[in-house]
Amino acid sequence: MEAWGLSGEELAELREAVRSRLAWDASVPDEELRRLIEAELFHRERSRRMMASERKAAVERLFHSFRGLDALQPLLDDPEITEIMINRHDEIYIERRGEMQLSGIAFESPERLEDLIQSMVGRVNRMVNEASPIVDARLPDGSRLHVVLPPVALKGPCVTIRRFPQNRLGMKELVGLGALTEEAAQWLKRLVMAKYNIFISGGTGSGKTTFLNALSDWIPASERIITIEDAAELQIRGVENHVSMETRNANSEGKGRIEIRDLIRASLRMRPNRIIVGEVRGPEALDMLQAMNTGHEGSLSTGHANSPRDMISRLETMVLSGSDLPLQVVRKQIASAIDCIVHVSRFRDGSRKVTEICEVTGWMAGEVELRTLFRFEEQSESNGKVIGRLTAVESLQDIRKLLFAGFAEESA
């Protein structure tokens, strides 16, 4: 496969030639490195038949292999790309403005991709190999990195990079984009300030982390919060007393692993006002629920689910996977810990919207009871865009925290 006017073999040969000339000084300035690459490329007869644009692209590709992330660098430099999906070294897809497409970019070999993977995970003190072929990590720009290596990945090294905007979206921007109404936003603002425990549910890529970031803007600046994640990606602003923690994989001897539930337990001794868990997906759900039930009100978290009711069922499964508690006890824990569930969805036009807000009203007849307060009603479709509105359908039943926080009863 040829790219940038050069074959994979030619790119590898050029890279080795430049590397040998850099052996005496690998820290040359960027401009000098570019000149060196241009000179080495010019010595190749093939380069004389290349168009100027192809020659420039080849120089940039080689430059990024030394100072950037190789073939991925142009994709990471494009602010419109929100997801990079590498199925194998020569099959790279991207998501741009909500649409998935083949990138037209490739690595010259599986080995080159594996070298880049090791470089990326090594920068953040993570490890991935045949014995431990799956890893979550974080790139320096805050992007979330997920890697699966062979033999688990049958087609070759598989990489997914979820990118987040440098200037993250606040609730004002989400309202402007039609993700929810101003009425719903102001209602949620009061709930956050009054320390309601809120859970955000949704599918993959539905905008759960973005919405969690936006909700956190309403946490009073005087509070102390602890954020816990697999790979730190939350962008908390406005709260100076903030501790961020992330999990750690086991070392080569299988020791030293630190899981989310370990961090939740540690956070309880750090005098937090609120605990924010980026995502719960396993037995740590029990620790999160217990934290919410033991004085850490106003805590926030997210989870994968198709609906608020499905989120309740998934939480039950998560808790039961790591404990032998009776199901009814688990349901009582959920009912007493979580006050509201906000469900976000990604629509067929690529837009992300709040589709339902539910109040957890309690536990009755062996089931956790939900009360829908806001529901998105789709009205039409115009030029491929989904048209609808998030409408209030019921009022909040439990307003005790609102009254305690000084909000008038009618504000509910």
Protein backbone atom coordinates (compact mmCIF):
# COMPACT_ATOMS: atom_id res chain seq x y z
CA MET A 1 0.00 0.00 0.00
CA GLU A 2 1.38 3.41 -0.95
CA ALA A 3 0.83 6.60 1.02
CA TRP A 4 2.20 10.11 0.56
CA GLY A 5 3.74 8.96 -2.73
CA LEU A 6 5.99 6.41 -0.96
CA SER A 7 5.57 2.73 -0.23
CA GLY A 8 5.74 1.38 3.31
CA GLU A 9 9.18 -0.07 2.63
CA GLU A 10 10.46 3.29 1.35
CA LEU A 11 9.09 5.11 4.40
CA ALA A 12 10.77 2.60 6.73
CA GLU A 13 14.07 2.91 4.83
CA LEU A 14 13.97 6.69 4.99
CA ARG A 15 13.17 6.64 8.68
CA GLU A 16 16.14 4.40 9.42
CA ALA A 17 18.43 6.59 7.32
CA VAL A 18 17.37 9.71 9.23
CA ARG A 19 17.65 7.88 12.56
CA SER A 20 21.22 6.84 11.78
CA ARG A 21 22.14 10.45 11.04
CA LEU A 22 20.51 11.51 14.32
CA ALA A 23 22.42 8.96 16.38
CA TRP A 24 24.94 11.58 17.43
CA ASP A 25 22.25 14.08 18.50
CA ALA A 26 18.60 13.05 18.82
CA SER A 27 17.61 16.44 20.30
CA VAL A 28 18.15 18.59 17.21
CA PRO A 29 15.69 21.48 16.78
CA ASP A 30 12.53 20.77 14.81
CA GLU A 31 13.53 22.88 11.80
CA GLU A 32 16.90 21.18 11.54
CA LEU A 33 15.19 17.78 11.71
CA ARG A 34 12.88 18.80 8.87
CA ARG A 35 15.85 19.95 6.76
CA LEU A 36 17.62 16.66 7.43
CA ILE A 37 14.52 14.69 6.34
CA GLU A 38 14.16 16.81 3.18
CA ALA A 39 17.80 16.23 2.29
CA GLU A 40 17.52 12.48 2.81
CA LEU A 41 14.32 12.38 0.75
CA PHE A 42 15.90 14.39 -2.07
CA HIS A 43 18.64 11.76 -2.42
CA ARG A 44 15.99 9.23 -3.43
CA GLU A 45 15.31 9.08 -7.16
CA ARG A 46 11.65 8.41 -6.44
CA SER A 47 11.27 11.79 -4.73
CA ARG A 48 12.15 13.62 -7.95
CA ARG A 49 9.01 12.21 -9.56
CA MET A 50 6.77 13.25 -6.67
CA MET A 51 4.52 16.27 -6.75
CA ALA A 52 5.37 19.10 -4.34
CA SER A 53 2.32 18.28 -2.18
CA GLU A 54 3.36 14.62 -1.96
CA ARG A 55 6.91 15.54 -1.02
CA LYS A 56 5.70 17.92 1.68
CA ALA A 57 3.33 15.28 3.08
CA ALA A 58 6.12 12.69 3.14
CA VAL A 59 8.38 15.09 5.07
CA GLU A 60 5.60 15.78 7.60
CA ARG A 61 4.89 12.06 7.97
CA LEU A 62 8.55 11.32 8.72
CA PHE A 63 8.81 14.32 11.03
CA HIS A 64 5.80 13.15 13.04
CA SER A 65 7.32 9.68 13.34
CA PHE A 66 10.16 11.31 15.32
CA ARG A 67 8.39 14.16 17.14
CA GLY A 68 4.69 13.27 17.06
CA LEU A 69 2.44 10.23 16.78
CA ASP A 70 3.42 9.17 13.27
CA ALA A 71 0.47 8.58 10.92
CA LEU A 72 -1.99 9.60 13.64
CA GLN A 73 -0.62 13.12 14.11
CA PRO A 74 -2.60 14.76 11.26
CA LEU A 75 -5.77 13.16 12.65
CA LEU A 76 -5.02 14.41 16.17
CA ASP A 77 -4.35 17.88 14.78
CA ASP A 78 -7.79 18.02 13.17
CA PRO A 79 -10.21 19.54 15.73
CA GLU A 80 -13.26 18.14 13.89
CA ILE A 81 -12.22 14.52 14.46
CA THR A 82 -13.73 13.17 17.68
CA GLU A 83 -12.81 9.49 17.39
CA ILE A 84 -9.96 7.54 15.77
CA MET A 85 -10.54 3.80 15.34
CA ILE A 86 -7.65 1.58 14.20
CA ASN A 87 -8.88 -1.88 13.25
CA ARG A 88 -5.46 -2.90 11.92
CA HIS A 89 -2.34 -1.07 10.73
CA ASP A 90 -3.81 -0.26 7.30
CA GLU A 91 -7.47 0.16 8.28
CA ILE A 92 -8.09 3.39 10.17
CA TYR A 93 -11.55 4.93 10.57
CA ILE A 94 -12.43 8.34 11.99
CA GLU A 95 -15.55 10.09 13.24
CA ARG A 96 -15.91 13.65 12.00
CA ARG A 97 -18.97 15.75 12.85
CA GLY A 98 -20.83 12.60 13.94
CA GLU A 99 -20.15 10.66 10.72
CA MET A 100 -17.84 7.63 10.45
CA GLN A 101 -15.48 7.36 7.48
CA LEU A 102 -12.31 5.63 6.32
CA SER A 103 -9.37 7.97 6.92
CA GLY A 104 -7.18 7.04 3.94
CA ILE A 105 -4.20 6.95 6.30
CA ALA A 106 -2.20 3.83 7.16
CA PHE A 107 0.92 2.59 8.94
CA GLU A 108 3.49 0.83 6.78
CA SER A 109 3.44 -2.30 8.94
CA PRO A 110 1.87 -3.86 12.06
CA GLU A 111 5.26 -3.58 13.77
CA ARG A 112 5.31 0.20 13.27
CA LEU A 113 1.86 0.48 14.85
CA GLU A 114 2.95 -1.71 17.77
CA ASP A 115 6.02 0.50 18.32
CA LEU A 116 3.77 3.57 18.47
CA ILE A 117 1.39 1.85 20.90
CA GLN A 118 4.27 1.05 23.26
CA SER A 119 5.44 4.65 23.04
CA MET A 120 1.96 6.02 23.83
CA VAL A 121 1.25 3.78 26.83
CA GLY A 122 4.82 4.14 28.11
CA ARG A 123 4.43 7.92 28.34
CA VAL A 124 1.67 7.50 30.93
CA ASN A 125 3.31 4.64 32.85
CA ARG A 126 1.02 1.97 31.46
CA MET A 127 1.97 -1.42 30.08
CA VAL A 128 0.47 -3.60 27.36
CA ASN A 129 1.83 -6.86 25.99
CA GLU A 130 0.77 -10.36 24.99
CA ALA A 131 0.32 -11.38 28.61
CA SER A 132 -1.77 -8.27 29.34
CA PRO A 133 -3.19 -7.32 25.92
CA ILE A 134 -5.84 -4.76 26.94
CA VAL A 135 -5.17 -1.34 28.41
CA ASP A 136 -6.88 2.02 28.96
CA ALA A 137 -4.68 5.09 29.07
CA ARG A 138 -4.66 8.82 28.47
CA LEU A 139 -2.67 10.81 25.92
CA PRO A 140 -0.93 14.06 26.94
CA ASP A 141 -3.69 16.12 25.26
CA GLY A 142 -6.34 14.41 27.41
CA SER A 143 -7.61 12.01 24.73
CA ARG A 144 -8.71 8.59 25.96
CA LEU A 145 -6.73 5.65 24.57
CA HIS A 146 -7.91 2.03 24.47
CA VAL A 147 -5.62 -0.69 23.10
CA VAL A 148 -6.22 -4.38 22.35
CA LEU A 149 -3.28 -6.45 21.07
CA PRO A 150 -3.11 -9.85 19.39
CA PRO A 151 -3.90 -12.63 20.06
CA VAL A 152 -7.08 -11.06 21.46
CA ALA A 153 -7.38 -8.74 18.44
CA LEU A 154 -7.39 -11.14 15.49
CA LYS A 155 -6.69 -8.63 12.70
CA GLY A 156 -3.74 -6.98 14.43
CA PRO A 157 -3.24 -4.22 17.02
CA CYS A 158 -6.55 -2.43 17.63
CA VAL A 159 -6.58 1.14 18.96
CA THR A 160 -9.45 3.50 19.79
CA ILE A 161 -8.80 7.14 20.65
CA ARG A 162 -11.68 9.21 22.03
CA ARG A 163 -10.89 12.91 21.72
CA PHE A 164 -12.28 15.75 23.80
CA PRO A 165 -12.36 19.45 22.87
CA GLN A 166 -9.64 21.59 24.44
CA ASN A 167 -12.32 24.07 25.44
CA ARG A 168 -14.93 21.72 26.81
CA LEU A 169 -18.63 22.39 26.48
CA GLY A 170 -20.49 23.93 29.39
CA MET A 171 -24.22 23.71 30.00
CA LYS A 172 -24.79 26.99 28.14
CA GLU A 173 -23.19 25.51 25.02
CA LEU A 174 -25.16 22.28 25.38
CA VAL A 175 -28.40 24.25 25.57
CA GLY A 176 -27.32 26.17 22.47
CA LEU A 177 -26.70 22.91 20.63
CA GLY A 178 -30.16 21.65 21.54
CA ALA A 179 -28.96 18.91 23.90
CA LEU A 180 -31.53 20.09 26.47
CA THR A 181 -33.75 23.08 27.19
CA GLU A 182 -32.88 26.07 29.35
CA GLU A 183 -35.71 25.02 31.70
CA ALA A 184 -34.19 21.57 32.23
CA ALA A 185 -30.70 23.04 32.62
CA GLN A 186 -31.80 25.43 35.36
CA TRP A 187 -33.70 22.64 37.08
CA LEU A 188 -30.56 20.43 37.07
CA LYS A 189 -28.49 23.36 38.33
CA ARG A 190 -30.65 23.55 41.45
CA LEU A 191 -30.34 19.80 41.98
CA VAL A 192 -26.53 19.88 41.76
CA MET A 193 -26.29 22.83 44.14
CA ALA A 194 -28.71 21.14 46.55
CA LYS A 195 -26.55 17.98 46.58
CA TYR A 196 -28.81 15.51 44.87
CA ASN A 197 -26.96 12.33 43.84
CA ILE A 198 -27.17 12.20 40.05
CA PHE A 199 -26.37 9.32 37.72
CA ILE A 200 -25.89 9.87 33.98
CA SER A 201 -26.74 6.93 31.72
CA GLY A 202 -26.34 6.45 28.00
CA GLY A 203 -24.77 4.42 25.23
CA THR A 204 -21.23 4.57 23.89
CA GLY A 205 -20.43 7.99 22.47
CA SER A 206 -23.69 9.52 23.70
CA GLY A 207 -21.96 12.36 25.58
CA LYS A 208 -22.03 11.11 29.19
CA THR A 209 -18.61 12.52 30.11
CA THR A 210 -19.36 15.82 28.38
CA PHE A 211 -22.59 16.15 30.35
CA LEU A 212 -20.90 15.17 33.61
CA ASN A 213 -18.29 17.89 33.04
CA ALA A 214 -21.04 20.43 32.43
CA LEU A 215 -22.95 19.43 35.59
CA SER A 216 -19.77 19.80 37.67
CA ASP A 217 -19.61 23.51 36.80
CA TRP A 218 -22.40 24.07 39.33
CA ILE A 219 -20.57 22.52 42.27
CA PRO A 220 -19.89 25.37 44.74
CA ALA A 221 -16.26 26.53 44.66
CA SER A 222 -16.00 26.16 48.45
CA GLU A 223 -16.38 22.37 48.34
CA ARG A 224 -13.77 19.61 48.14
CA ILE A 225 -14.28 17.00 45.44
CA ILE A 226 -12.48 13.77 44.55
CA THR A 227 -12.66 12.48 40.95
CA ILE A 228 -11.97 8.81 40.24
CA GLU A 229 -11.48 7.36 36.75
CA ASP A 230 -9.88 4.54 34.80
CA ALA A 231 -8.06 7.13 32.69
CA ALA A 232 -8.35 10.73 33.89
CA GLU A 233 -10.37 12.73 31.37
CA LEU A 234 -12.78 14.83 33.44
CA GLN A 235 -12.16 18.56 33.21
CA ILE A 236 -13.34 20.06 36.48
CA ARG A 237 -13.22 23.83 36.61
CA GLY A 238 -14.21 26.32 39.24
CA VAL A 239 -13.32 24.08 42.20
CA GLU A 240 -9.77 24.55 43.46
CA ASN A 241 -9.97 21.94 46.25
CA HIS A 242 -9.98 19.04 43.79
CA VAL A 243 -8.10 15.73 43.87
CA SER A 244 -7.99 13.62 40.70
CA MET A 245 -7.15 9.90 40.89
CA GLU A 246 -6.94 7.16 38.27
CA THR A 247 -6.56 3.41 38.36
CA ARG A 248 -3.32 1.51 37.75
CA ASN A 249 -2.71 -1.77 35.92
CA ALA A 250 -0.79 -4.62 37.47
CA ASN A 251 2.97 -4.75 36.83
CA SER A 252 4.78 -7.47 34.88
CA GLU A 253 4.56 -9.72 37.96
CA GLY A 254 0.80 -9.28 38.22
CA LYS A 255 1.06 -7.07 41.30
CA GLY A 256 0.28 -3.46 42.13
CA ARG A 257 -3.12 -3.22 40.44
CA ILE A 258 -5.29 -0.44 41.84
CA GLU A 259 -8.97 -0.57 40.89
CA ILE A 260 -11.76 1.99 41.04
CA ARG A 261 -13.21 0.42 44.18
CA ASP A 262 -9.82 0.79 45.90
CA LEU A 263 -9.80 4.49 45.04
CA ILE A 264 -13.40 4.99 46.20
CA ARG A 265 -12.52 3.48 49.57
CA ALA A 266 -9.38 5.62 49.79
CA SER A 267 -11.38 8.76 48.93
CA LEU A 268 -13.65 8.27 51.93
CA ARG A 269 -10.64 9.04 54.16
CA MET A 270 -9.82 12.22 52.26
CA ARG A 271 -12.69 14.31 53.63
CA PRO A 272 -14.53 14.88 50.32
CA ASN A 273 -17.77 16.82 50.05
CA ARG A 274 -18.54 15.00 46.83
CA ILE A 275 -17.13 12.00 44.98
CA ILE A 276 -17.28 11.89 41.18
CA VAL A 277 -16.66 8.52 39.53
CA GLY A 278 -16.15 8.89 35.79
CA GLU A 279 -17.85 5.59 35.04
CA VAL A 280 -18.93 2.54 37.02
CA ARG A 281 -18.97 -0.78 35.21
CA GLY A 282 -18.25 -3.46 37.78
CA PRO A 283 -18.31 -4.36 41.48
CA GLU A 284 -17.20 -0.82 42.37
CA ALA A 285 -20.86 0.17 41.91
CA LEU A 286 -21.49 -1.08 45.47
CA ASP A 287 -18.73 1.14 46.86
CA MET A 288 -20.13 4.11 44.96
CA LEU A 289 -23.65 3.50 46.30
CA GLN A 290 -22.35 3.12 49.85
CA ALA A 291 -20.43 6.39 49.54
CA MET A 292 -23.61 8.14 48.41
CA ASN A 293 -25.42 6.60 51.38
CA THR A 294 -22.84 7.64 53.98
CA GLY A 295 -22.92 11.41 53.85
CA HIS A 296 -21.26 12.15 50.50
CA GLU A 297 -24.31 13.77 48.97
CA GLY A 298 -24.15 15.51 45.64
CA SER A 299 -21.99 12.76 44.14
CA LEU A 300 -22.05 12.16 40.39
CA SER A 301 -21.28 9.22 38.12
CA THR A 302 -22.04 7.68 34.73
CA GLY A 303 -22.79 4.24 33.34
CA HIS A 304 -23.61 2.49 30.07
CA ALA A 305 -27.30 1.74 29.61
CA ASN A 306 -30.12 2.03 27.08
CA SER A 307 -32.56 3.75 29.45
CA PRO A 308 -32.89 4.83 33.11
CA ARG A 309 -34.68 1.59 33.94
CA ASP A 310 -31.94 -0.37 32.21
CA MET A 311 -29.38 1.58 34.26
CA ILE A 312 -31.03 0.35 37.44
CA SER A 313 -30.85 -3.24 36.20
CA ARG A 314 -27.22 -2.85 35.20
CA LEU A 315 -26.33 -1.42 38.61
CA GLU A 316 -27.97 -4.43 40.22
CA THR A 317 -25.88 -6.75 38.05
CA MET A 318 -22.68 -4.83 38.80
CA VAL A 319 -23.20 -4.98 42.55
CA LEU A 320 -24.17 -8.66 42.53
CA SER A 321 -21.07 -9.54 40.47
CA GLY A 322 -18.84 -8.62 43.41
CA SER A 323 -20.94 -9.39 46.47
CA ASP A 324 -23.32 -11.99 47.86
CA LEU A 325 -25.92 -9.49 49.02
CA PRO A 326 -29.58 -10.43 48.46
CA LEU A 327 -31.14 -8.72 45.44
CA GLN A 328 -33.68 -6.90 47.60
CA VAL A 329 -30.91 -5.39 49.73
CA VAL A 330 -29.13 -4.21 46.58
CA ARG A 331 -32.29 -2.58 45.29
CA LYS A 332 -32.83 -0.79 48.59
CA GLN A 333 -29.24 0.51 48.38
CA ILE A 334 -29.86 1.87 44.88
CA ALA A 335 -33.19 3.44 45.84
CA SER A 336 -31.72 5.25 48.83
CA ALA A 337 -28.45 6.30 47.17
CA ILE A 338 -29.47 7.72 43.78
CA ASP A 339 -31.84 10.67 43.55
CA CYS A 340 -32.01 11.25 39.80
CA ILE A 341 -30.96 9.60 36.54
CA VAL A 342 -30.25 11.70 33.43
CA HIS A 343 -30.29 9.67 30.22
CA VAL A 344 -28.42 10.96 27.15
CA SER A 345 -28.71 9.49 23.66
CA ARG A 346 -26.99 9.83 20.33
CA PHE A 347 -29.42 10.26 17.45
CA ARG A 348 -29.20 9.08 13.86
CA ASP A 349 -28.12 12.58 12.73
CA GLY A 350 -25.10 12.43 15.07
CA SER A 351 -26.58 14.84 17.62
CA ARG A 352 -26.51 14.07 21.34
CA LYS A 353 -29.47 14.99 23.52
CA VAL A 354 -30.92 14.43 26.97
CA THR A 355 -33.87 12.13 26.29
CA GLU A 356 -35.15 11.48 29.80
CA ILE A 357 -34.68 12.68 33.37
CA CYS A 358 -36.06 10.41 36.09
CA GLU A 359 -36.42 10.71 39.83
CA VAL A 360 -35.74 7.61 41.90
CA THR A 361 -38.71 7.81 44.22
CA GLY A 362 -38.03 4.80 46.40
CA TRP A 363 -38.43 1.06 46.70
CA MET A 364 -41.78 -0.67 46.66
CA ALA A 365 -43.00 -4.23 46.07
CA GLY A 366 -39.43 -5.39 45.51
CA GLU A 367 -38.68 -2.91 42.71
CA VAL A 368 -36.87 0.42 42.45
CA GLU A 369 -39.45 3.03 41.49
CA LEU A 370 -38.74 5.64 38.81
CA ARG A 371 -40.75 8.76 38.02
CA THR A 372 -40.14 10.47 34.65
CA LEU A 373 -39.79 14.23 35.10
CA PHE A 374 -38.60 15.26 31.62
CA ARG A 375 -38.95 13.36 28.35
CA PHE A 376 -37.66 14.15 24.87
CA GLU A 377 -40.40 14.09 22.27
CA GLU A 378 -39.29 13.83 18.65
CA GLN A 379 -41.46 16.00 16.42
CA SER A 380 -40.03 15.79 12.91
CA GLU A 381 -36.91 15.57 10.78
CA SER A 382 -35.62 18.44 8.66
CA ASN A 383 -32.65 18.22 6.28
CA GLY A 384 -31.50 15.10 8.07
CA LYS A 385 -31.69 16.75 11.50
CA VAL A 386 -33.88 15.40 14.29
CA ILE A 387 -36.31 18.04 15.58
CA GLY A 388 -37.84 17.68 19.04
CA ARG A 389 -38.01 19.07 22.54
CA LEU A 390 -37.31 17.97 26.10
CA THR A 391 -40.61 18.52 27.89
CA ALA A 392 -41.43 18.53 31.61
CA VAL A 393 -44.06 15.87 32.37
CA GLU A 394 -44.01 15.63 36.17
CA SER A 395 -42.71 17.62 39.13
CA LEU A 396 -40.04 16.50 41.58
CA GLN A 397 -41.53 14.53 44.45
CA ASP A 398 -38.73 14.66 47.03
CA ILE A 399 -37.87 18.34 47.52
CA ARG A 400 -36.32 18.06 50.99
CA LYS A 401 -32.77 18.74 49.78
CA LEU A 402 -33.97 21.72 47.74
CA LEU A 403 -35.68 23.24 50.79
CA PHE A 404 -32.65 22.54 52.97
CA ALA A 405 -30.43 24.30 50.40
CA GLY A 406 -32.64 27.37 50.54
CA PHE A 407 -34.59 26.94 47.29
CA ALA A 408 -38.28 27.79 47.39
CA GLU A 409 -40.72 24.86 47.09
CA GLU A 410 -42.11 26.13 43.81
CA SER A 411 -38.62 25.99 42.25
CA ALA A 412 -38.98 22.20 42.07
